[in-house]
């Protein structure tokens, strides 16, 4: 995949308001249920969205709450801290 195309797909995906709302909802639920639920159970909320752009879901993260996924050769971390949603390329 061309680098510019990958960057555009990742940027559009991570800036998607539906995805951000799902992450916020998952985070709110995690805050209430973290003593009773396994963080891995939350992967079902995001893995299909990652697959829809041709990516590979890698893992959920607790601190900060979010998930990592691979798109072509790049790995990204999409996360939420309090009311701040962000992402970074981690590899």
Protein backbone atom coordinates (compact mmCIF):
# COMPACT_ATOMS: atom_id res chain seq x y z
CA UNK A 1 0.00 0.00 0.00
CA UNK A 2 1.30 3.45 -0.87
CA UNK A 3 2.36 5.45 2.20
CA UNK A 4 0.14 8.44 1.38
CA UNK A 5 -2.89 6.20 0.83
CA UNK A 6 -2.26 4.43 4.15
CA UNK A 7 -1.93 7.74 5.97
CA UNK A 8 -5.18 9.02 4.43
CA UNK A 9 -7.10 5.84 5.31
CA UNK A 10 -5.77 5.90 8.89
CA UNK A 11 -6.48 9.61 9.32
CA UNK A 12 -10.04 9.33 7.99
CA UNK A 13 -10.67 6.27 10.17
CA UNK A 14 -9.31 7.82 13.36
CA UNK A 15 -11.08 11.14 12.80
CA UNK A 16 -14.43 9.36 12.31
CA UNK A 17 -17.01 10.69 14.79
CA UNK A 18 -18.81 7.31 14.98
CA UNK A 19 -15.58 5.61 16.02
CA UNK A 20 -14.82 8.34 18.55
CA UNK A 21 -18.31 8.00 20.04
CA UNK A 22 -17.87 4.21 20.29
CA UNK A 23 -14.55 4.69 22.03
CA UNK A 24 -16.10 7.16 24.46
CA UNK A 25 -18.99 4.79 25.19
CA UNK A 26 -16.60 1.87 25.71
CA UNK A 27 -14.44 3.97 28.02
CA UNK A 28 -17.44 5.02 30.12
CA UNK A 29 -18.54 1.40 30.42
CA UNK A 30 -14.98 0.30 31.29
CA UNK A 31 -14.83 2.87 34.10
CA UNK A 32 -17.98 1.35 35.62
CA UNK A 33 -17.21 -2.31 34.96
CA UNK A 34 -13.41 -2.69 35.05
CA UNK A 35 -13.51 -4.65 38.30
CA UNK A 36 -15.81 -7.26 36.73
CA UNK A 37 -14.99 -7.38 33.01
CA UNK A 38 -11.91 -8.43 31.08
CA UNK A 39 -10.52 -5.67 28.84
CA UNK A 40 -10.28 -8.23 26.01
CA UNK A 41 -14.09 -8.37 25.88
CA UNK A 42 -14.09 -4.84 24.52
CA UNK A 43 -12.26 -5.86 21.36
CA UNK A 44 -15.58 -6.87 19.76
CA UNK A 45 -16.58 -3.21 19.79
CA UNK A 46 -13.68 -2.18 17.56
CA UNK A 47 -12.29 -5.16 15.64
CA UNK A 48 -14.97 -5.10 12.90
CA UNK A 49 -14.41 -1.39 12.35
CA UNK A 50 -10.68 -1.98 11.94
CA UNK A 51 -11.32 -4.85 9.52
CA UNK A 52 -13.65 -2.64 7.47
CA UNK A 53 -10.67 -0.48 6.42
CA UNK A 54 -8.43 -3.45 5.73
CA UNK A 55 -6.63 -3.29 9.06
CA UNK A 56 -5.75 -5.91 11.63
CA UNK A 57 -6.98 -5.45 15.20
CA UNK A 58 -4.11 -6.14 17.62
CA UNK A 59 -5.14 -5.51 21.23
CA UNK A 60 -7.07 -3.46 23.75
CA UNK A 61 -5.18 -1.23 26.18
CA UNK A 62 -6.21 -0.29 29.72
CA UNK A 63 -4.02 2.77 30.31
CA UNK A 64 -4.92 4.66 28.37
CA UNK A 65 -8.15 2.96 27.37
CA UNK A 66 -8.05 2.22 23.66
CA UNK A 67 -6.82 -0.23 21.10
CA UNK A 68 -3.91 -0.90 18.78
CA UNK A 69 -4.26 -1.94 15.18
CA UNK A 70 -2.09 -2.49 12.15
CA UNK A 71 -2.73 -0.96 8.75
CA UNK A 72 -0.29 -2.21 6.15
CA UNK A 73 3.16 -1.70 7.74
CA UNK A 74 2.11 0.86 10.36
CA UNK A 75 0.77 0.23 13.87
CA UNK A 76 -1.51 2.81 15.49
CA UNK A 77 -2.83 3.33 19.02
CA UNK A 78 -6.27 4.96 19.29
CA UNK A 79 -7.05 5.98 22.87
CA UNK A 80 -9.06 8.13 25.24
CA UNK A 81 -7.85 9.88 28.39
CA UNK A 82 -10.58 11.54 30.44
CA UNK A 83 -12.29 13.61 27.73
CA UNK A 84 -9.35 13.69 25.32
CA UNK A 85 -9.43 11.33 22.34
CA UNK A 86 -6.19 10.85 20.45
CA UNK A 87 -4.08 8.55 18.38
CA UNK A 88 -0.48 7.98 17.53
CA UNK A 89 1.57 5.82 15.26
CA UNK A 90 3.53 3.46 17.50
CA UNK A 91 5.47 1.44 14.92
